[in-house]
PDB file of N, CA and C in Angstrom:
ATOM      1  N   MET A   1      28.208 -63.875 -10.255  1.00  0.00           N
ATOM      2  CA  MET A   1      27.424 -63.900  -9.178  1.00  0.00           C
ATOM      3  C   MET A   1      26.160 -65.478  -9.047  1.00  0.00           C
ATOM      4  N   ASP A   2      26.531 -66.262  -8.440  1.00  0.00           N
ATOM      5  CA  ASP A   2      25.443 -67.222  -8.721  1.00  0.00           C
ATOM      6  C   ASP A   2      24.054 -66.883  -8.106  1.00  0.00           C
ATOM      7  N   ALA A   3      22.964 -67.540  -8.493  1.00  0.00           N
ATOM      8  CA  ALA A   3      21.400 -67.259  -8.412  1.00  0.00           C
ATOM      9  C   ALA A   3      21.470 -66.879  -6.402  1.00  0.00           C
ATOM     10  N   GLU A   4      22.063 -67.912  -5.918  1.00  0.00           N
ATOM     11  CA  GLU A   4      22.030 -68.045  -4.073  1.00  0.00           C
ATOM     12  C   GLU A   4      22.706 -66.914  -3.684  1.00  0.00           C
ATOM     13  N   GLU A   5      23.317 -66.369  -4.010  1.00  0.00           N
ATOM     14  CA  GLU A   5      24.295 -65.461  -3.374  1.00  0.00           C
ATOM     15  C   GLU A   5      23.596 -63.980  -3.801  1.00  0.00           C
ATOM     16  N   GLU A   6      22.848 -64.035  -5.048  1.00  0.00           N
ATOM     17  CA  GLU A   6      21.997 -62.940  -5.688  1.00  0.00           C
ATOM     18  C   GLU A   6      20.865 -62.900  -4.393  1.00  0.00           C
ATOM     19  N   ARG A   7      20.235 -64.057  -4.111  1.00  0.00           N
ATOM     20  CA  ARG A   7      18.681 -64.226  -3.522  1.00  0.00           C
ATOM     21  C   ARG A   7      19.182 -63.483  -2.064  1.00  0.00           C
ATOM     22  N   ARG A   8      20.498 -64.016  -1.465  1.00  0.00           N
ATOM     23  CA  ARG A   8      20.878 -63.604  -0.209  1.00  0.00           C
ATOM     24  C   ARG A   8      21.166 -61.914   0.049  1.00  0.00           C
ATOM     25  N   ARG A   9      21.707 -61.266  -1.113  1.00  0.00           N
ATOM     26  CA  ARG A   9      21.986 -60.177  -0.910  1.00  0.00           C
ATOM     27  C   ARG A   9      20.772 -59.276  -0.997  1.00  0.00           C
ATOM     28  N   PHE A  10      19.354 -60.000  -2.047  1.00  0.00           N
ATOM     29  CA  PHE A  10      18.317 -59.337  -1.933  1.00  0.00           C
ATOM     30  C   PHE A  10      17.596 -59.388  -0.545  1.00  0.00           C
ATOM     31  N   VAL A  11      17.589 -60.405  -0.185  1.00  0.00           N
ATOM     32  CA  VAL A  11      16.886 -60.607   1.330  1.00  0.00           C
ATOM     33  C   VAL A  11      17.605 -59.563   2.393  1.00  0.00           C
ATOM     34  N   ALA A  12      18.905 -59.487   2.597  1.00  0.00           N
ATOM     35  CA  ALA A  12      19.528 -58.812   3.279  1.00  0.00           C
ATOM     36  C   ALA A  12      19.512 -56.996   3.116  1.00  0.00           C
ATOM     37  N   GLU A  13      18.874 -56.979   1.728  1.00  0.00           N
ATOM     38  CA  GLU A  13      18.769 -55.317   1.416  1.00  0.00           C
ATOM     39  C   GLU A  13      17.154 -55.202   1.889  1.00  0.00           C
ATOM     40  N   VAL A  14      16.479 -56.185   1.491  1.00  0.00           N
ATOM     41  CA  VAL A  14      14.945 -56.122   2.163  1.00  0.00           C
ATOM     42  C   VAL A  14      14.727 -55.833   3.579  1.00  0.00           C
ATOM     43  N   TRP A  15      16.036 -56.747   4.019  1.00  0.00           N
ATOM     44  CA  TRP A  15      15.752 -56.702   5.784  1.00  0.00           C
ATOM     45  C   TRP A  15      16.173 -55.400   6.361  1.00  0.00           C
ATOM     46  N   ARG A  16      17.432 -54.667   5.547  1.00  0.00           N
ATOM     47  CA  ARG A  16      17.710 -53.504   6.085  1.00  0.00           C
ATOM     48  C   ARG A  16      16.724 -52.428   5.742  1.00  0.00           C
ATOM     49  N   ARG A  17      15.994 -52.207   4.889  1.00  0.00           N
ATOM     50  CA  ARG A  17      14.870 -51.254   4.765  1.00  0.00           C
ATOM     51  C   ARG A  17      13.548 -51.586   5.552  1.00  0.00           C
ATOM     52  N   PHE A  18      13.373 -53.040   5.612  1.00  0.00           N
ATOM     53  CA  PHE A  18      12.411 -53.011   6.530  1.00  0.00           C
ATOM     54  C   PHE A  18      12.566 -52.633   8.073  1.00  0.00           C
ATOM     55  N   GLU A  19      13.846 -53.085   8.588  1.00  0.00           N
ATOM     56  CA  GLU A  19      14.333 -52.187   9.825  1.00  0.00           C
ATOM     57  C   GLU A  19      14.126 -50.681   9.585  1.00  0.00           C
ATOM     58  N   ASP A  20      14.575 -49.853   8.559  1.00  0.00           N
ATOM     59  CA  ASP A  20      14.607 -48.273   8.351  1.00  0.00           C
ATOM     60  C   ASP A  20      12.685 -48.262   8.742  1.00  0.00           C
ATOM     61  N   VAL A  21      12.065 -48.971   7.977  1.00  0.00           N
ATOM     62  CA  VAL A  21      10.864 -48.593   8.107  1.00  0.00           C
ATOM     63  C   VAL A  21      10.040 -48.977   9.030  1.00  0.00           C
ATOM     64  N   GLN A  22      10.439 -50.003   9.826  1.00  0.00           N
ATOM     65  CA  GLN A  22       9.874 -50.170  11.175  1.00  0.00           C
ATOM     66  C   GLN A  22      10.069 -49.436  12.435  1.00  0.00           C
ATOM     67  N   ASN A  23      11.534 -48.509  12.227  1.00  0.00           N
ATOM     68  CA  ASN A  23      12.193 -47.574  12.794  1.00  0.00           C
ATOM     69  C   ASN A  23      11.432 -46.477  13.237  1.00  0.00           C
ATOM     70  N   TRP A  24      10.970 -46.223  11.616  1.00  0.00           N
ATOM     71  CA  TRP A  24      10.516 -44.557  11.389  1.00  0.00           C
ATOM     72  C   TRP A  24       8.902 -45.165  11.999  1.00  0.00           C
ATOM     73  N   ALA A  25       8.163 -46.267  11.794  1.00  0.00           N
ATOM     74  CA  ALA A  25       6.926 -46.496  11.932  1.00  0.00           C
ATOM     75  C   ALA A  25       6.958 -46.268  13.813  1.00  0.00           C
ATOM     76  N   ILE A  26       7.726 -46.967  14.391  1.00  0.00           N
ATOM     77  CA  ILE A  26       7.593 -46.675  16.083  1.00  0.00           C
ATOM     78  C   ILE A  26       7.960 -45.642  16.370  1.00  0.00           C
ATOM     79  N   ALA A  27       8.943 -44.748  15.744  1.00  0.00           N
ATOM     80  CA  ALA A  27       8.770 -43.437  15.743  1.00  0.00           C
ATOM     81  C   ALA A  27       8.017 -42.303  15.629  1.00  0.00           C
ATOM     82  N   ASN A  28       7.308 -42.757  14.589  1.00  0.00           N
ATOM     83  CA  ASN A  28       6.203 -41.757  14.071  1.00  0.00           C
ATOM     84  C   ASN A  28       4.662 -42.109  14.378  1.00  0.00           C
ATOM     85  N   TRP A  29       4.351 -43.061  15.191  1.00  0.00           N
ATOM     86  CA  TRP A  29       3.439 -43.750  15.710  1.00  0.00           C
ATOM     87  C   TRP A  29       2.321 -42.610  16.209  1.00  0.00           C
ATOM     88  N   PRO A  30       1.236 -42.327  15.619  1.00  0.00           N
ATOM     89  CA  PRO A  30       0.542 -41.174  16.299  1.00  0.00           C
ATOM     90  C   PRO A  30      -0.516 -41.611  17.542  1.00  0.00           C
ATOM     91  N   ASP A  31      -0.383 -42.724  17.754  1.00  0.00           N
ATOM     92  CA  ASP A  31      -1.437 -43.345  19.126  1.00  0.00           C
ATOM     93  C   ASP A  31      -0.202 -43.551  19.711  1.00  0.00           C
ATOM     94  N   GLN A  32      -0.052 -42.619  20.815  1.00  0.00           N
ATOM     95  CA  GLN A  32       1.209 -42.735  22.073  1.00  0.00           C
ATOM     96  C   GLN A  32       0.554 -43.531  23.109  1.00  0.00           C
ATOM     97  N   SER A  33      -0.600 -43.583  23.301  1.00  0.00           N
ATOM     98  CA  SER A  33      -1.341 -44.332  24.286  1.00  0.00           C
ATOM     99  C   SER A  33      -1.104 -46.166  24.014  1.00  0.00           C
ATOM    100  N   HIS A  34      -1.194 -46.244  22.670  1.00  0.00           N
ATOM    101  CA  HIS A  34      -1.099 -47.801  22.368  1.00  0.00           C
ATOM    102  C   HIS A  34       0.380 -47.722  21.281  1.00  0.00           C
ATOM    103  N   PRO A  35       1.654 -47.745  21.955  1.00  0.00           N
ATOM    104  CA  PRO A  35       2.679 -47.244  21.239  1.00  0.00           C
ATOM    105  C   PRO A  35       3.058 -49.002  20.455  1.00  0.00           C
ATOM    106  N   LEU A  36       3.631 -48.753  19.408  1.00  0.00           N
ATOM    107  CA  LEU A  36       4.164 -49.758  18.342  1.00  0.00           C
ATOM    108  C   LEU A  36       5.790 -50.445  18.974  1.00  0.00           C
ATOM    109  N   THR A  37       5.721 -51.600  18.878  1.00  0.00           N
ATOM    110  CA  THR A  37       6.797 -52.429  19.370  1.00  0.00           C
ATOM    111  C   THR A  37       7.532 -52.932  18.272  1.00  0.00           C
ATOM    112  N   SER A  38       8.796 -53.771  18.516  1.00  0.00           N
ATOM    113  CA  SER A  38       9.081 -54.214  17.243  1.00  0.00           C
ATOM    114  C   SER A  38       8.495 -55.664  17.013  1.00  0.00           C
ATOM    115  N   SER A  39       7.718 -56.055  18.374  1.00  0.00           N
ATOM    116  CA  SER A  39       6.864 -57.020  18.285  1.00  0.00           C
ATOM    117  C   SER A  39       5.874 -57.154  17.056  1.00  0.00           C
ATOM    118  N   ASP A  40       5.389 -55.808  17.033  1.00  0.00           N
ATOM    119  CA  ASP A  40       4.108 -55.700  16.356  1.00  0.00           C
ATOM    120  C   ASP A  40       4.707 -55.786  14.478  1.00  0.00           C
ATOM    121  N   PHE A  41       5.820 -56.348  14.564  1.00  0.00           N
ATOM    122  CA  PHE A  41       6.247 -56.767  13.175  1.00  0.00           C
ATOM    123  C   PHE A  41       7.006 -57.787  12.796  1.00  0.00           C
ATOM    124  N   VAL A  42       6.554 -58.722  14.170  1.00  0.00           N
ATOM    125  CA  VAL A  42       7.154 -60.233  13.627  1.00  0.00           C
ATOM    126  C   VAL A  42       6.790 -60.900  12.355  1.00  0.00           C
ATOM    127  N   GLU A  43       5.411 -60.804  12.059  1.00  0.00           N
ATOM    128  CA  GLU A  43       4.877 -61.795  10.472  1.00  0.00           C
ATOM    129  C   GLU A  43       5.975 -61.296   9.769  1.00  0.00           C
ATOM    130  N   GLY A  44       5.929 -59.685   9.271  1.00  0.00           N
ATOM    131  CA  GLY A  44       6.534 -58.884   7.994  1.00  0.00           C
ATOM    132  C   GLY A  44       7.932 -59.823   7.962  1.00  0.00           C
ATOM    133  N   ARG A  45       8.751 -59.758   9.477  1.00  0.00           N
ATOM    134  CA  ARG A  45      10.204 -60.200   9.397  1.00  0.00           C
ATOM    135  C   ARG A  45      10.073 -62.046   9.117  1.00  0.00           C
ATOM    136  N   LYS A  46       9.057 -62.660   9.088  1.00  0.00           N
ATOM    137  CA  LYS A  46       8.792 -64.216   8.717  1.00  0.00           C
ATOM    138  C   LYS A  46       8.688 -64.023   7.441  1.00  0.00           C
ATOM    139  N   GLU A  47       8.128 -63.292   6.693  1.00  0.00           N
ATOM    140  CA  GLU A  47       7.710 -63.346   5.636  1.00  0.00           C
ATOM    141  C   GLU A  47       9.060 -62.962   4.757  1.00  0.00           C
ATOM    142  N   ILE A  48       9.603 -61.936   5.469  1.00  0.00           N
ATOM    143  CA  ILE A  48      11.089 -61.353   4.738  1.00  0.00           C
ATOM    144  C   ILE A  48      12.113 -62.833   4.802  1.00  0.00           C
ATOM    145  N   LEU A  49      12.219 -63.483   5.774  1.00  0.00           N
ATOM    146  CA  LEU A  49      13.184 -64.731   6.049  1.00  0.00           C
ATOM    147  C   LEU A  49      12.970 -65.534   5.063  1.00  0.00           C
ATOM    148  N   GLY A  50      11.210 -65.556   4.509  1.00  0.00           N
ATOM    149  CA  GLY A  50      11.152 -66.885   3.848  1.00  0.00           C
ATOM    150  C   GLY A  50      11.293 -66.715   2.469  1.00  0.00           C
ATOM    151  N   LEU A  51      11.860 -65.126   1.810  1.00  0.00           N
ATOM    152  CA  LEU A  51      11.990 -64.966   0.337  1.00  0.00           C
ATOM    153  C   LEU A  51      13.241 -65.631   0.315  1.00  0.00           C
ATOM    154  N   GLY A  52      14.065 -66.229   1.405  1.00  0.00           N
ATOM    155  CA  GLY A  52      15.657 -66.028   0.981  1.00  0.00           C
ATOM    156  C   GLY A  52      15.265 -68.359   0.851  1.00  0.00           C
ATOM    157  N   LEU A  53      14.337 -68.594   0.958  1.00  0.00           N
ATOM    158  CA  LEU A  53      14.054 -70.095   1.255  1.00  0.00           C
ATOM    159  C   LEU A  53      13.730 -70.339  -0.285  1.00  0.00           C
ATOM    160  N   PRO A  54      13.843 -71.554  -0.612  1.00  0.00           N
ATOM    161  CA  PRO A  54      13.402 -72.321  -2.075  1.00  0.00           C
ATOM    162  C   PRO A  54      11.856 -72.431  -1.878  1.00  0.00           C
ATOM    163  N   PRO A  55      11.034 -72.342  -3.013  1.00  0.00           N
ATOM    164  CA  PRO A  55       9.546 -72.609  -2.697  1.00  0.00           C
ATOM    165  C   PRO A  55       9.144 -73.981  -2.005  1.00  0.00           C
ATOM    166  N   GLU A  56      10.039 -75.067  -2.231  1.00  0.00           N
ATOM    167  CA  GLU A  56       9.748 -76.037  -1.768  1.00  0.00           C
ATOM    168  C   GLU A  56       9.950 -76.241  -0.277  1.00  0.00           C
ATOM    169  N   ARG A  57      10.615 -75.502   0.412  1.00  0.00           N
ATOM    170  CA  ARG A  57      11.062 -75.452   1.827  1.00  0.00           C
ATOM    171  C   ARG A  57      10.152 -74.080   2.655  1.00  0.00           C
ATOM    172  N   LYS A  58       9.311 -73.584   1.849  1.00  0.00           N
ATOM    173  CA  LYS A  58       8.515 -72.480   2.646  1.00  0.00           C
ATOM    174  C   LYS A  58       7.499 -73.326   3.327  1.00  0.00           C
ATOM    175  N   LEU A  59       6.892 -72.978   4.388  1.00  0.00           N
ATOM    176  CA  LEU A  59       5.987 -73.631   5.533  1.00  0.00           C
ATOM    177  C   LEU A  59       4.535 -73.489   4.581  1.00  0.00           C
ATOM    178  N   GLY A  60       3.979 -74.251   4.390  1.00  0.00           N
ATOM    179  CA  GLY A  60       2.209 -74.069   3.828  1.00  0.00           C
ATOM    180  C   GLY A  60       2.415 -73.736   2.651  1.00  0.00           C
ATOM    181  N   HIS A  61       3.396 -73.940   1.600  1.00  0.00           N
ATOM    182  CA  HIS A  61       3.671 -73.611   0.487  1.00  0.00           C
ATOM    183  C   HIS A  61       4.317 -74.826  -0.404  1.00  0.00           C
ATOM    184  N   ALA A  62       3.776 -76.019   0.230  1.00  0.00           N
ATOM    185  CA  ALA A  62       4.076 -77.416  -0.767  1.00  0.00           C
ATOM    186  C   ALA A  62       3.426 -77.383  -1.864  1.00  0.00           C
ATOM    187  N   PRO A  63       4.094 -77.529  -3.304  1.00  0.00           N
ATOM    188  CA  PRO A  63       3.291 -77.895  -4.139  1.00  0.00           C
ATOM    189  C   PRO A  63       2.330 -78.911  -4.104  1.00  0.00           C
ATOM    190  N   PRO A  64       0.933 -78.965  -4.889  1.00  0.00           N
ATOM    191  CA  PRO A  64       0.455 -79.909  -4.209  1.00  0.00           C
ATOM    192  C   PRO A  64       0.589 -81.542  -5.087  1.00  0.00           C
ATOM    193  N   GLN A  65       0.172 -82.595  -4.572  1.00  0.00           N
ATOM    194  CA  GLN A  65       0.856 -83.695  -5.195  1.00  0.00           C
ATOM    195  C   GLN A  65      -0.476 -84.287  -5.598  1.00  0.00           C
ATOM    196  N   PRO A  66      -0.723 -84.671  -6.847  1.00  0.00           N
ATOM    197  CA  PRO A  66      -1.310 -85.174  -7.580  1.00  0.00           C
ATOM    198  C   PRO A  66      -1.851 -86.734  -6.861  1.00  0.00           C
ATOM    199  N   ALA A  67      -2.850 -87.145  -7.062  1.00  0.00           N
ATOM    200  CA  ALA A  67      -3.831 -88.294  -6.655  1.00  0.00           C
ATOM    201  C   ALA A  67      -2.870 -89.540  -7.578  1.00  0.00           C
ATOM    202  N   PRO A  68      -2.609 -90.624  -6.724  1.00  0.00           N
ATOM    203  CA  PRO A  68      -1.941 -92.056  -7.447  1.00  0.00           C
ATOM    204  C   PRO A  68      -3.023 -92.348  -8.176  1.00  0.00           C
ATOM    205  N   GLU A  69      -2.774 -93.057  -9.358  1.00  0.00           N
ATOM    206  CA  GLU A  69      -3.545 -93.542 -10.618  1.00  0.00           C
ATOM    207  C   GLU A  69      -3.867 -94.626 -10.195  1.00  0.00           C
ATOM    208  N   PRO A  70      -5.045 -95.157  -9.995  1.00  0.00           N
ATOM    209  CA  PRO A  70      -5.726 -96.580  -9.768  1.00  0.00           C
ATOM    210  C   PRO A  70      -4.864 -97.700  -9.539  1.00  0.00           C
ATOM    211  N   GLU A  71      -4.331 -97.908 -10.757  1.00  0.00           N
ATOM    212  CA  GLU A  71      -3.001 -98.978 -10.892  1.00  0.00           C
ATOM    213  C   GLU A  71      -2.153 -98.656  -9.729  1.00  0.00           C
ATOM    214  N   GLN A  72      -1.997 -97.554  -9.212  1.00  0.00           N
ATOM    215  CA  GLN A  72      -0.789 -97.330  -8.492  1.00  0.00           C
ATOM    216  C   GLN A  72      -1.201 -97.282  -6.667  1.00  0.00           C
ATOM    217  N   GLY A  73      -2.700 -98.002  -6.737  1.00  0.00           N
ATOM    218  CA  GLY A  73      -3.354 -97.847  -5.648  1.00  0.00           C
ATOM    219  C   GLY A  73      -4.244 -96.492  -5.084  1.00  0.00           C
ATOM    220  N   GLY A  74      -4.174 -95.988  -6.148  1.00  0.00           N
ATOM    221  CA  GLY A  74      -5.344 -94.567  -6.160  1.00  0.00           C
ATOM    222  C   GLY A  74      -6.692 -95.364  -5.927  1.00  0.00           C
ATOM    223  N   PRO A  75      -7.449 -94.297  -5.841  1.00  0.00           N
ATOM    224  CA  PRO A  75      -8.865 -94.682  -5.696  1.00  0.00           C
ATOM    225  C   PRO A  75      -9.359 -94.620  -6.992  1.00  0.00           C
ATOM    226  N   GLN A  76     -10.635 -95.615  -7.319  1.00  0.00           N
ATOM    227  CA  GLN A  76     -11.298 -95.764  -8.586  1.00  0.00           C
ATOM    228  C   GLN A  76     -11.712 -94.597  -8.965  1.00  0.00           C
ATOM    229  N   TYR A  77     -12.704 -94.321  -7.882  1.00  0.00           N
ATOM    230  CA  TYR A  77     -13.454 -93.264  -8.447  1.00  0.00           C
ATOM    231  C   TYR A  77     -13.423 -91.676  -7.301  1.00  0.00           C
ATOM    232  N   GLN A  78     -13.629 -90.715  -8.134  1.00  0.00           N
ATOM    233  CA  GLN A  78     -13.395 -89.549  -7.453  1.00  0.00           C
ATOM    234  C   GLN A  78     -14.692 -88.640  -7.247  1.00  0.00           C
ATOM    235  N   ASP A  79     -15.511 -88.700  -6.133  1.00  0.00           N
ATOM    236  CA  ASP A  79     -16.687 -87.818  -6.532  1.00  0.00           C
ATOM    237  C   ASP A  79     -16.627 -86.633  -6.184  1.00  0.00           C
ATOM    238  N   VAL A  80     -16.759 -85.895  -7.226  1.00  0.00           N
ATOM    239  CA  VAL A  80     -16.439 -84.362  -7.472  1.00  0.00           C
ATOM    240  C   VAL A  80     -17.778 -83.477  -7.324  1.00  0.00           C
ATOM    241  N   THR A  81     -19.148 -84.036  -7.344  1.00  0.00           N
ATOM    242  CA  THR A  81     -20.362 -83.699  -6.863  1.00  0.00           C
ATOM    243  C   THR A  81     -20.516 -83.127  -5.465  1.00  0.00           C
ATOM    244  N   PRO A  82     -20.475 -82.078  -5.302  1.00  0.00           N
ATOM    245  CA  PRO A  82     -20.949 -81.631  -3.687  1.00  0.00           C
ATOM    246  C   PRO A  82     -21.978 -82.061  -2.971  1.00  0.00           C
ATOM    247  N   ALA A  83     -21.973 -82.373  -2.101  1.00  0.00           N
ATOM    248  CA  ALA A  83     -22.753 -82.878  -1.275  1.00  0.00           C
ATOM    249  C   ALA A  83     -23.966 -81.634  -0.790  1.00  0.00           C
ATOM    250  N   PRO A  84     -25.286 -82.094  -0.927  1.00  0.00           N
ATOM    251  CA  PRO A  84     -26.402 -81.046  -0.281  1.00  0.00           C
ATOM    252  C   PRO A  84     -25.966 -80.290   0.759  1.00  0.00           C
ATOM    253  N   TRP A  85     -26.270 -79.068   1.058  1.00  0.00           N
ATOM    254  CA  TRP A  85     -26.734 -78.596   2.107  1.00  0.00           C
ATOM    255  C   TRP A  85     -27.303 -79.209   3.263  1.00  0.00           C
ATOM    256  N   PRO A  86     -26.961 -79.523   4.718  1.00  0.00           N
ATOM    257  CA  PRO A  86     -27.844 -80.330   5.325  1.00  0.00           C
ATOM    258  C   PRO A  86     -28.908 -79.175   6.016  1.00  0.00           C
TER     259      PRO A  86
END
């Protein structure tokens, strides 16, 4: 089995278990005046779906790019001293 197929199976299993936990949480939520709905779990579903993506395709998780060298058009000097508080 290749790594991509193993990753898909893992994500599918996590998704199934998350659905089970979500259904349990909705059914057993103690505050019935403010019941849980499946929309309360949207961010969790996004994170689970992100497990199936390679790191370079995840939103907000791009690897930092080094600054170009001066001979490649980069800055000659980079000030690393913080400015004083106004």
